[in-house]
Amino acid sequence: MRSQTDPDLALDIFRWTAQQRNYRHNHITYHTIIQIAFSEKRFGPAEALIEEVFAGACNCNVALYNSIIRYCCSRRTLFNRGFDFYKKMLRSEECKPSIQTYTLLLSALLKKFNKLNVCYVYLHAVRSLHKQMKASGVIPDVYALNLILKAYCKCLEMDGAIRVFREMGLYGCEANEYSYSYVVKGFCEKGRVEQGFEYFKEMRGRDFVPTSSAYMILICSLAMELRFGEAVDVMFDMLGNSRVPDLLTYKTVLEGLCREGKGDEAFELLEELRKKNGAMGDKTYRTLLDGLHFLSRE
């Protein structure tokens, strides 16, 4: 079937062979035809094939289940079906969920964390997966733990996030730049800026470079607490690591200085930033300069 360039012909061959006497498709042929159907956007036939597998049309293996879960989680209408296959794996004696299974499901859930009020609904599912992973003896890797950590941080459940962060060592994993960035960002968004700043200093001490979003939320949080010296230090650290703040971050610091009666410092900082290679373009500079002039006239 893989040799067929026409996906519809491959599907016809699959159906024709299934009708032959004493022949039954196995997990390999189902895996192949489902991959063909999805890659060629034959979603109707692909969904029908998935339902056949769920009904027991072939003996499955973990690879087939994981592929189906991946496809289901990528389709809004099949999202819940992906979890049905996961539950089927839990009940199976031969095809228990693997670390890849959990990673697929956690990644799919994280894509739903687009609004704070929705986060809490899906955080319950993340917690359940985490517990089931532990109970089944699957050892998480740093990628899976980071997904769980990110879920807690997005919901601003920072006590839970820190528990996961500290758990990493128990599984032989080391927190990386993403782990720290999620924690820094979460603490700042929660309003616990000092704790976020401490984790920032710890990660920089380990030569980890934060993500741009973690840098910017920390800079803005420090500036809003009138800790301008530290905000500017973090900003230059960000620029020194080839990451560029956005317009809002620059405005928060520069206009904050101006509002606190430190207009001269703000203008000097803007000129210093302008001279720094790659820090900002002409349009950003003019926008910031106009904003400072406006505030200085008030």
C-alpha atoms as a PDB file:
ATOM      1  CA  MET A   1       0.000   0.000   0.000  1.00  0.00           C
ATOM      2  CA  ARG A   2       2.858   2.378   0.719  1.00  0.00           C
ATOM      3  CA  SER A   3       3.974   2.050  -2.898  1.00  0.00           C
ATOM      4  CA  GLN A   4       0.692   3.553  -4.098  1.00  0.00           C
ATOM      5  CA  THR A   5       0.854   7.243  -4.930  1.00  0.00           C
ATOM      6  CA  ASP A   6      -2.949   7.399  -5.046  1.00  0.00           C
ATOM      7  CA  PRO A   7      -4.370   7.247  -1.497  1.00  0.00           C
ATOM      8  CA  ASP A   8      -7.838   6.306  -2.747  1.00  0.00           C
ATOM      9  CA  LEU A   9      -6.395   3.335  -4.604  1.00  0.00           C
ATOM     10  CA  ALA A  10      -4.506   2.313  -1.448  1.00  0.00           C
ATOM     11  CA  LEU A  11      -7.790   2.413   0.478  1.00  0.00           C
ATOM     12  CA  ASP A  12      -9.513   0.313  -2.213  1.00  0.00           C
ATOM     13  CA  ILE A  13      -6.709  -2.278  -2.067  1.00  0.00           C
ATOM     14  CA  PHE A  14      -7.016  -2.380   1.732  1.00  0.00           C
ATOM     15  CA  ARG A  15     -10.761  -3.000   1.512  1.00  0.00           C
ATOM     16  CA  TRP A  16     -10.396  -5.567  -1.279  1.00  0.00           C
ATOM     17  CA  THR A  17      -7.792  -7.625   0.570  1.00  0.00           C
ATOM     18  CA  ALA A  18      -9.965  -7.607   3.714  1.00  0.00           C
ATOM     19  CA  GLN A  19     -12.623  -9.495   1.727  1.00  0.00           C
ATOM     20  CA  GLN A  20     -10.308 -12.313   0.706  1.00  0.00           C
ATOM     21  CA  ARG A  21     -10.854 -15.715   2.265  1.00  0.00           C
ATOM     22  CA  ASN A  22      -8.704 -16.566   5.300  1.00  0.00           C
ATOM     23  CA  TYR A  23      -7.153 -13.108   5.371  1.00  0.00           C
ATOM     24  CA  ARG A  24      -7.361 -10.594   8.203  1.00  0.00           C
ATOM     25  CA  HIS A  25      -5.571  -7.286   8.445  1.00  0.00           C
ATOM     26  CA  ASN A  26      -3.139  -6.934  11.339  1.00  0.00           C
ATOM     27  CA  HIS A  27      -1.868  -3.951  13.309  1.00  0.00           C
ATOM     28  CA  ILE A  28       0.839  -3.268  10.692  1.00  0.00           C
ATOM     29  CA  THR A  29      -1.570  -2.922   7.753  1.00  0.00           C
ATOM     30  CA  TYR A  30      -4.040  -0.875   9.808  1.00  0.00           C
ATOM     31  CA  HIS A  31      -1.224   1.387  10.987  1.00  0.00           C
ATOM     32  CA  THR A  32      -0.047   1.874   7.403  1.00  0.00           C
ATOM     33  CA  ILE A  33      -3.443   2.652   5.892  1.00  0.00           C
ATOM     34  CA  ILE A  34      -4.403   5.021   8.722  1.00  0.00           C
ATOM     35  CA  GLN A  35      -1.143   6.922   8.217  1.00  0.00           C
ATOM     36  CA  ILE A  36      -1.852   7.158   4.479  1.00  0.00           C
ATOM     37  CA  ALA A  37      -5.433   8.323   5.013  1.00  0.00           C
ATOM     38  CA  PHE A  38      -4.489  11.058   7.484  1.00  0.00           C
ATOM     39  CA  SER A  39      -1.419  12.285   5.614  1.00  0.00           C
ATOM     40  CA  GLU A  40      -3.501  12.602   2.436  1.00  0.00           C
ATOM     41  CA  LYS A  41      -6.378  14.280   4.313  1.00  0.00           C
ATOM     42  CA  ARG A  42      -8.850  11.432   3.729  1.00  0.00           C
ATOM     43  CA  PHE A  43     -10.368  12.115   7.124  1.00  0.00           C
ATOM     44  CA  GLY A  44     -13.665  10.293   6.598  1.00  0.00           C
ATOM     45  CA  PRO A  45     -12.055   6.938   5.739  1.00  0.00           C
ATOM     46  CA  ALA A  46      -9.420   7.511   8.439  1.00  0.00           C
ATOM     47  CA  GLU A  47     -12.075   7.961  11.113  1.00  0.00           C
ATOM     48  CA  ALA A  48     -13.884   4.834   9.911  1.00  0.00           C
ATOM     49  CA  LEU A  49     -10.637   2.849  10.171  1.00  0.00           C
ATOM     50  CA  ILE A  50     -10.029   4.179  13.679  1.00  0.00           C
ATOM     51  CA  GLU A  51     -13.486   3.013  14.744  1.00  0.00           C
ATOM     52  CA  GLU A  52     -12.738  -0.435  13.316  1.00  0.00           C
ATOM     53  CA  VAL A  53      -9.575  -0.644  15.396  1.00  0.00           C
ATOM     54  CA  PHE A  54     -11.488   0.464  18.489  1.00  0.00           C
ATOM     55  CA  ALA A  55     -14.056  -2.269  17.826  1.00  0.00           C
ATOM     56  CA  GLY A  56     -11.296  -4.892  17.721  1.00  0.00           C
ATOM     57  CA  ALA A  57     -10.727  -5.369  13.984  1.00  0.00           C
ATOM     58  CA  CYS A  58      -7.081  -6.286  14.634  1.00  0.00           C
ATOM     59  CA  ASN A  59      -4.692  -7.145  17.427  1.00  0.00           C
ATOM     60  CA  CYS A  60      -3.130  -3.817  18.387  1.00  0.00           C
ATOM     61  CA  ASN A  61       0.269  -2.789  19.613  1.00  0.00           C
ATOM     62  CA  VAL A  62       1.417   0.318  21.470  1.00  0.00           C
ATOM     63  CA  ALA A  63       2.723   1.997  18.295  1.00  0.00           C
ATOM     64  CA  LEU A  64      -0.677   1.749  16.590  1.00  0.00           C
ATOM     65  CA  TYR A  65      -2.508   3.032  19.657  1.00  0.00           C
ATOM     66  CA  ASN A  66      -0.115   5.965  19.992  1.00  0.00           C
ATOM     67  CA  SER A  67      -0.483   6.879  16.323  1.00  0.00           C
ATOM     68  CA  ILE A  68      -4.262   6.837  16.619  1.00  0.00           C
ATOM     69  CA  ILE A  69      -4.129   8.944  19.802  1.00  0.00           C
ATOM     70  CA  ARG A  70      -1.878  11.446  17.997  1.00  0.00           C
ATOM     71  CA  TYR A  71      -4.326  11.694  15.093  1.00  0.00           C
ATOM     72  CA  CYS A  72      -7.367  11.943  17.364  1.00  0.00           C
ATOM     73  CA  CYS A  73      -5.819  14.686  19.484  1.00  0.00           C
ATOM     74  CA  SER A  74      -5.010  16.700  16.355  1.00  0.00           C
ATOM     75  CA  ARG A  75      -8.685  16.713  15.298  1.00  0.00           C
ATOM     76  CA  ARG A  76     -11.135  18.693  17.402  1.00  0.00           C
ATOM     77  CA  THR A  77     -13.979  16.287  16.668  1.00  0.00           C
ATOM     78  CA  LEU A  78     -11.880  13.267  17.701  1.00  0.00           C
ATOM     79  CA  PHE A  79     -10.245  14.733  20.802  1.00  0.00           C
ATOM     80  CA  ASN A  80     -12.327  12.725  23.275  1.00  0.00           C
ATOM     81  CA  ARG A  81     -11.871   9.580  21.183  1.00  0.00           C
ATOM     82  CA  GLY A  82      -8.142   9.820  21.808  1.00  0.00           C
ATOM     83  CA  PHE A  83      -8.804   9.481  25.542  1.00  0.00           C
ATOM     84  CA  ASP A  84     -11.123   6.538  24.863  1.00  0.00           C
ATOM     85  CA  PHE A  85      -8.178   4.748  23.246  1.00  0.00           C
ATOM     86  CA  TYR A  86      -6.021   5.642  26.246  1.00  0.00           C
ATOM     87  CA  LYS A  87      -8.594   4.048  28.596  1.00  0.00           C
ATOM     88  CA  LYS A  88      -8.637   0.998  26.339  1.00  0.00           C
ATOM     89  CA  MET A  89      -4.858   0.774  26.745  1.00  0.00           C
ATOM     90  CA  LEU A  90      -5.192   0.983  30.532  1.00  0.00           C
ATOM     91  CA  ARG A  91      -7.521  -2.031  30.455  1.00  0.00           C
ATOM     92  CA  SER A  92      -5.241  -3.981  28.128  1.00  0.00           C
ATOM     93  CA  GLU A  93      -2.741  -6.519  29.435  1.00  0.00           C
ATOM     94  CA  GLU A  94      -0.375  -6.278  26.449  1.00  0.00           C
ATOM     95  CA  CYS A  95      -0.612  -2.629  25.339  1.00  0.00           C
ATOM     96  CA  LYS A  96      -0.220  -0.493  28.431  1.00  0.00           C
ATOM     97  CA  PRO A  97       0.344   3.267  27.896  1.00  0.00           C
ATOM     98  CA  SER A  98       3.966   4.252  27.328  1.00  0.00           C
ATOM     99  CA  ILE A  99       5.721   7.516  28.132  1.00  0.00           C
ATOM    100  CA  GLN A 100       4.953   8.558  24.539  1.00  0.00           C
ATOM    101  CA  THR A 101       1.226   7.954  25.178  1.00  0.00           C
ATOM    102  CA  TYR A 102       1.270  10.245  28.190  1.00  0.00           C
ATOM    103  CA  THR A 103       3.301  12.877  26.359  1.00  0.00           C
ATOM    104  CA  LEU A 104       0.829  12.899  23.458  1.00  0.00           C
ATOM    105  CA  LEU A 105      -2.142  13.342  25.782  1.00  0.00           C
ATOM    106  CA  LEU A 106      -0.456  15.975  27.952  1.00  0.00           C
ATOM    107  CA  SER A 107       0.588  17.964  24.856  1.00  0.00           C
ATOM    108  CA  ALA A 108      -2.975  17.823  23.533  1.00  0.00           C
ATOM    109  CA  LEU A 109      -4.391  19.041  26.840  1.00  0.00           C
ATOM    110  CA  LEU A 110      -1.894  21.917  27.056  1.00  0.00           C
ATOM    111  CA  LYS A 111      -3.164  23.247  23.717  1.00  0.00           C
ATOM    112  CA  LYS A 112      -6.523  23.771  25.427  1.00  0.00           C
ATOM    113  CA  PHE A 113      -4.998  26.064  28.074  1.00  0.00           C
ATOM    114  CA  ASN A 114      -5.771  29.269  26.201  1.00  0.00           C
ATOM    115  CA  LYS A 115      -7.867  31.016  28.868  1.00  0.00           C
ATOM    116  CA  LEU A 116      -7.405  31.051  32.641  1.00  0.00           C
ATOM    117  CA  ASN A 117     -10.967  29.946  33.438  1.00  0.00           C
ATOM    118  CA  VAL A 118     -10.675  27.035  30.977  1.00  0.00           C
ATOM    119  CA  CYS A 119      -7.285  26.013  32.389  1.00  0.00           C
ATOM    120  CA  TYR A 120      -8.777  24.746  35.642  1.00  0.00           C
ATOM    121  CA  VAL A 121     -11.089  22.354  33.775  1.00  0.00           C
ATOM    122  CA  TYR A 122      -8.192  20.727  31.937  1.00  0.00           C
ATOM    123  CA  LEU A 123      -5.797  20.885  34.897  1.00  0.00           C
ATOM    124  CA  HIS A 124      -7.918  18.176  36.539  1.00  0.00           C
ATOM    125  CA  ALA A 125      -7.238  15.928  33.522  1.00  0.00           C
ATOM    126  CA  VAL A 126      -3.507  16.699  33.714  1.00  0.00           C
ATOM    127  CA  ARG A 127      -3.485  15.768  37.414  1.00  0.00           C
ATOM    128  CA  SER A 128      -5.268  12.500  36.635  1.00  0.00           C
ATOM    129  CA  LEU A 129      -2.781  11.592  33.917  1.00  0.00           C
ATOM    130  CA  HIS A 130       0.105  12.395  36.249  1.00  0.00           C
ATOM    131  CA  LYS A 131      -1.329  10.113  38.955  1.00  0.00           C
ATOM    132  CA  GLN A 132      -2.058   7.312  36.476  1.00  0.00           C
ATOM    133  CA  MET A 133       1.438   7.568  35.041  1.00  0.00           C
ATOM    134  CA  LYS A 134       2.914   7.129  38.526  1.00  0.00           C
ATOM    135  CA  ALA A 135       0.516   4.300  39.388  1.00  0.00           C
ATOM    136  CA  SER A 136       1.339   2.395  36.203  1.00  0.00           C
ATOM    137  CA  GLY A 137       5.071   2.579  36.823  1.00  0.00           C
ATOM    138  CA  VAL A 138       5.853   4.697  33.762  1.00  0.00           C
ATOM    139  CA  ILE A 139       8.916   6.826  34.523  1.00  0.00           C
ATOM    140  CA  PRO A 140       8.401  10.368  33.196  1.00  0.00           C
ATOM    141  CA  ASP A 141      11.114  12.181  31.304  1.00  0.00           C
ATOM    142  CA  VAL A 142      11.896  15.885  31.557  1.00  0.00           C
ATOM    143  CA  TYR A 143       9.642  16.681  28.580  1.00  0.00           C
ATOM    144  CA  ALA A 144       6.582  15.071  30.205  1.00  0.00           C
ATOM    145  CA  LEU A 145       7.329  16.693  33.568  1.00  0.00           C
ATOM    146  CA  ASN A 146       7.716  20.079  31.888  1.00  0.00           C
ATOM    147  CA  LEU A 147       4.276  19.678  30.311  1.00  0.00           C
ATOM    148  CA  ILE A 148       2.771  18.984  33.742  1.00  0.00           C
ATOM    149  CA  LEU A 149       4.742  21.881  35.242  1.00  0.00           C
ATOM    150  CA  LYS A 150       3.554  24.197  32.474  1.00  0.00           C
ATOM    151  CA  ALA A 151      -0.076  23.220  33.127  1.00  0.00           C
ATOM    152  CA  TYR A 152       0.196  24.170  36.816  1.00  0.00           C
ATOM    153  CA  CYS A 153       1.971  27.436  35.976  1.00  0.00           C
ATOM    154  CA  LYS A 154      -0.621  28.422  33.365  1.00  0.00           C
ATOM    155  CA  CYS A 155      -3.310  27.972  36.029  1.00  0.00           C
ATOM    156  CA  LEU A 156      -1.117  29.917  38.485  1.00  0.00           C
ATOM    157  CA  GLU A 157      -1.204  26.918  40.817  1.00  0.00           C
ATOM    158  CA  MET A 158       2.336  27.603  41.910  1.00  0.00           C
ATOM    159  CA  ASP A 159       2.445  25.312  44.948  1.00  0.00           C
ATOM    160  CA  GLY A 160       1.592  22.377  42.680  1.00  0.00           C
ATOM    161  CA  ALA A 161       4.106  23.614  40.116  1.00  0.00           C
ATOM    162  CA  ILE A 162       6.926  23.663  42.660  1.00  0.00           C
ATOM    163  CA  ARG A 163       6.054  20.134  43.799  1.00  0.00           C
ATOM    164  CA  VAL A 164       6.483  18.937  40.208  1.00  0.00           C
ATOM    165  CA  PHE A 165       9.668  21.003  39.848  1.00  0.00           C
ATOM    166  CA  ARG A 166      11.177  19.348  42.925  1.00  0.00           C
ATOM    167  CA  GLU A 167      10.001  15.910  41.814  1.00  0.00           C
ATOM    168  CA  MET A 168      12.247  16.011  38.766  1.00  0.00           C
ATOM    169  CA  GLY A 169      15.298  14.839  40.647  1.00  0.00           C
ATOM    170  CA  LEU A 170      13.419  11.795  41.954  1.00  0.00           C
ATOM    171  CA  TYR A 171      13.090  10.559  38.371  1.00  0.00           C
ATOM    172  CA  GLY A 172      16.681  11.295  37.450  1.00  0.00           C
ATOM    173  CA  CYS A 173      15.666  14.399  35.473  1.00  0.00           C
ATOM    174  CA  GLU A 174      17.198  17.851  35.698  1.00  0.00           C
ATOM    175  CA  ALA A 175      15.168  21.022  35.359  1.00  0.00           C
ATOM    176  CA  ASN A 176      16.112  22.850  32.153  1.00  0.00           C
ATOM    177  CA  GLU A 177      15.595  26.361  30.800  1.00  0.00           C
ATOM    178  CA  TYR A 178      11.942  25.636  30.021  1.00  0.00           C
ATOM    179  CA  SER A 179      11.263  24.341  33.530  1.00  0.00           C
ATOM    180  CA  TYR A 180      12.681  27.491  35.063  1.00  0.00           C
ATOM    181  CA  SER A 181      10.996  29.781  32.534  1.00  0.00           C
ATOM    182  CA  TYR A 182       7.549  28.348  33.310  1.00  0.00           C
ATOM    183  CA  VAL A 183       8.150  28.865  37.038  1.00  0.00           C
ATOM    184  CA  VAL A 184       9.474  32.431  36.644  1.00  0.00           C
ATOM    185  CA  LYS A 185       6.551  33.379  34.441  1.00  0.00           C
ATOM    186  CA  GLY A 186       3.997  31.700  36.713  1.00  0.00           C
ATOM    187  CA  PHE A 187       5.229  33.401  39.872  1.00  0.00           C
ATOM    188  CA  CYS A 188       5.269  36.818  38.195  1.00  0.00           C
ATOM    189  CA  GLU A 189       1.757  36.399  36.814  1.00  0.00           C
ATOM    190  CA  LYS A 190       0.628  35.253  40.261  1.00  0.00           C
ATOM    191  CA  GLY A 191       2.053  38.469  41.733  1.00  0.00           C
ATOM    192  CA  ARG A 192       4.804  36.684  43.655  1.00  0.00           C
ATOM    193  CA  VAL A 193       7.511  38.607  41.836  1.00  0.00           C
ATOM    194  CA  GLU A 194      10.297  38.129  44.365  1.00  0.00           C
ATOM    195  CA  GLN A 195       9.990  34.345  44.130  1.00  0.00           C
ATOM    196  CA  GLY A 196      10.002  34.546  40.349  1.00  0.00           C
ATOM    197  CA  PHE A 197      13.101  36.735  40.495  1.00  0.00           C
ATOM    198  CA  GLU A 198      14.850  34.229  42.793  1.00  0.00           C
ATOM    199  CA  TYR A 199      14.232  31.401  40.321  1.00  0.00           C
ATOM    200  CA  PHE A 200      15.482  33.669  37.525  1.00  0.00           C
ATOM    201  CA  LYS A 201      18.735  34.279  39.407  1.00  0.00           C
ATOM    202  CA  GLU A 202      19.063  30.564  40.126  1.00  0.00           C
ATOM    203  CA  MET A 203      18.645  29.622  36.470  1.00  0.00           C
ATOM    204  CA  ARG A 204      21.102  32.275  35.295  1.00  0.00           C
ATOM    205  CA  GLY A 205      23.539  30.919  37.878  1.00  0.00           C
ATOM    206  CA  ARG A 206      23.236  27.591  36.077  1.00  0.00           C
ATOM    207  CA  ASP A 207      23.780  29.298  32.687  1.00  0.00           C
ATOM    208  CA  PHE A 208      20.199  28.639  31.561  1.00  0.00           C
ATOM    209  CA  VAL A 209      18.724  31.360  29.351  1.00  0.00           C
ATOM    210  CA  PRO A 210      15.016  32.132  29.910  1.00  0.00           C
ATOM    211  CA  THR A 211      12.494  32.188  27.103  1.00  0.00           C
ATOM    212  CA  SER A 212      11.594  35.622  25.731  1.00  0.00           C
ATOM    213  CA  SER A 213       8.165  35.530  27.371  1.00  0.00           C
ATOM    214  CA  ALA A 214       9.687  34.738  30.790  1.00  0.00           C
ATOM    215  CA  TYR A 215      12.181  37.572  30.419  1.00  0.00           C
ATOM    216  CA  MET A 216       9.492  40.079  29.446  1.00  0.00           C
ATOM    217  CA  ILE A 217       7.001  39.212  32.188  1.00  0.00           C
ATOM    218  CA  LEU A 218       9.788  39.466  34.774  1.00  0.00           C
ATOM    219  CA  ILE A 219      10.980  42.846  33.443  1.00  0.00           C
ATOM    220  CA  CYS A 220       7.432  44.236  33.451  1.00  0.00           C
ATOM    221  CA  SER A 221       6.698  42.819  36.912  1.00  0.00           C
ATOM    222  CA  LEU A 222       9.843  44.364  38.405  1.00  0.00           C
ATOM    223  CA  ALA A 223       9.092  47.699  36.736  1.00  0.00           C
ATOM    224  CA  MET A 224       5.521  47.717  38.050  1.00  0.00           C
ATOM    225  CA  GLU A 225       6.939  47.209  41.550  1.00  0.00           C
ATOM    226  CA  LEU A 226       9.179  50.249  40.885  1.00  0.00           C
ATOM    227  CA  ARG A 227      12.287  48.062  40.937  1.00  0.00           C
ATOM    228  CA  PHE A 228      13.653  49.803  37.869  1.00  0.00           C
ATOM    229  CA  GLY A 229      17.318  49.058  38.474  1.00  0.00           C
ATOM    230  CA  GLU A 230      16.677  45.315  38.527  1.00  0.00           C
ATOM    231  CA  ALA A 231      14.264  45.558  35.588  1.00  0.00           C
ATOM    232  CA  VAL A 232      16.906  47.310  33.484  1.00  0.00           C
ATOM    233  CA  ASP A 233      19.567  44.765  34.493  1.00  0.00           C
ATOM    234  CA  VAL A 234      17.294  41.911  33.380  1.00  0.00           C
ATOM    235  CA  MET A 235      16.521  43.774  30.154  1.00  0.00           C
ATOM    236  CA  PHE A 236      20.205  44.087  29.264  1.00  0.00           C
ATOM    237  CA  ASP A 237      20.728  40.443  30.202  1.00  0.00           C
ATOM    238  CA  MET A 238      17.947  39.590  27.771  1.00  0.00           C
ATOM    239  CA  LEU A 239      19.539  41.648  24.994  1.00  0.00           C
ATOM    240  CA  GLY A 240      22.911  40.086  25.784  1.00  0.00           C
ATOM    241  CA  ASN A 241      21.377  36.690  25.092  1.00  0.00           C
ATOM    242  CA  SER A 242      20.064  37.718  21.652  1.00  0.00           C
ATOM    243  CA  ARG A 243      16.476  38.111  22.819  1.00  0.00           C
ATOM    244  CA  VAL A 244      14.667  41.360  22.122  1.00  0.00           C
ATOM    245  CA  PRO A 245      11.913  42.807  24.360  1.00  0.00           C
ATOM    246  CA  ASP A 246       8.670  43.810  22.694  1.00  0.00           C
ATOM    247  CA  LEU A 247       7.252  47.335  22.575  1.00  0.00           C
ATOM    248  CA  LEU A 248       5.078  46.821  25.663  1.00  0.00           C
ATOM    249  CA  THR A 249       8.081  45.757  27.757  1.00  0.00           C
ATOM    250  CA  TYR A 250      10.089  48.798  26.720  1.00  0.00           C
ATOM    251  CA  LYS A 251       7.089  51.077  27.381  1.00  0.00           C
ATOM    252  CA  THR A 252       6.498  49.590  30.835  1.00  0.00           C
ATOM    253  CA  VAL A 253      10.054  50.359  31.929  1.00  0.00           C
ATOM    254  CA  LEU A 254      10.624  53.693  30.189  1.00  0.00           C
ATOM    255  CA  GLU A 255       7.217  55.223  30.868  1.00  0.00           C
ATOM    256  CA  GLY A 256       7.329  53.858  34.419  1.00  0.00           C
ATOM    257  CA  LEU A 257      10.553  55.752  35.012  1.00  0.00           C
ATOM    258  CA  CYS A 258       9.009  58.887  33.555  1.00  0.00           C
ATOM    259  CA  ARG A 259       5.908  58.654  35.767  1.00  0.00           C
ATOM    260  CA  GLU A 260       8.122  58.300  38.824  1.00  0.00           C
ATOM    261  CA  GLY A 261       9.832  61.616  38.049  1.00  0.00           C
ATOM    262  CA  LYS A 262      12.865  59.989  36.445  1.00  0.00           C
ATOM    263  CA  GLY A 263      12.321  61.370  32.959  1.00  0.00           C
ATOM    264  CA  ASP A 264      15.992  62.122  32.327  1.00  0.00           C
ATOM    265  CA  GLU A 265      16.907  58.524  33.178  1.00  0.00           C
ATOM    266  CA  ALA A 266      14.207  57.293  30.806  1.00  0.00           C
ATOM    267  CA  PHE A 267      15.503  59.391  27.894  1.00  0.00           C
ATOM    268  CA  GLU A 268      19.097  58.326  28.597  1.00  0.00           C
ATOM    269  CA  LEU A 269      18.082  54.675  28.744  1.00  0.00           C
ATOM    270  CA  LEU A 270      16.173  54.953  25.474  1.00  0.00           C
ATOM    271  CA  GLU A 271      19.222  56.431  23.729  1.00  0.00           C
ATOM    272  CA  GLU A 272      21.450  53.730  25.217  1.00  0.00           C
ATOM    273  CA  LEU A 273      19.068  51.044  23.952  1.00  0.00           C
ATOM    274  CA  ARG A 274      18.918  52.639  20.514  1.00  0.00           C
ATOM    275  CA  LYS A 275      22.700  52.418  20.192  1.00  0.00           C
ATOM    276  CA  LYS A 276      22.688  48.740  21.158  1.00  0.00           C
ATOM    277  CA  ASN A 277      22.783  46.633  18.015  1.00  0.00           C
ATOM    278  CA  GLY A 278      19.485  44.844  17.353  1.00  0.00           C
ATOM    279  CA  ALA A 279      17.694  46.246  20.412  1.00  0.00           C
ATOM    280  CA  MET A 280      14.990  48.090  18.480  1.00  0.00           C
ATOM    281  CA  GLY A 281      14.073  49.392  15.055  1.00  0.00           C
ATOM    282  CA  ASP A 282      13.420  53.010  14.076  1.00  0.00           C
ATOM    283  CA  LYS A 283       9.645  52.621  14.350  1.00  0.00           C
ATOM    284  CA  THR A 284       9.864  51.284  17.908  1.00  0.00           C
ATOM    285  CA  TYR A 285      12.312  54.041  18.850  1.00  0.00           C
ATOM    286  CA  ARG A 286      10.034  56.798  17.503  1.00  0.00           C
ATOM    287  CA  THR A 287       6.985  55.337  19.267  1.00  0.00           C
ATOM    288  CA  LEU A 288       8.843  55.183  22.590  1.00  0.00           C
ATOM    289  CA  LEU A 289      10.316  58.663  22.141  1.00  0.00           C
ATOM    290  CA  ASP A 290       6.894  60.160  21.383  1.00  0.00           C
ATOM    291  CA  GLY A 291       5.486  58.463  24.491  1.00  0.00           C
ATOM    292  CA  LEU A 292       8.217  59.895  26.722  1.00  0.00           C
ATOM    293  CA  HIS A 293       7.801  63.393  25.275  1.00  0.00           C
ATOM    294  CA  PHE A 294       4.054  63.197  25.911  1.00  0.00           C
ATOM    295  CA  LEU A 295       4.527  62.106  29.528  1.00  0.00           C
ATOM    296  CA  SER A 296       7.257  64.668  30.210  1.00  0.00           C
ATOM    297  CA  ARG A 297       4.849  67.485  29.163  1.00  0.00           C
ATOM    298  CA  GLU A 298       2.154  66.385  31.636  1.00  0.00           C
END
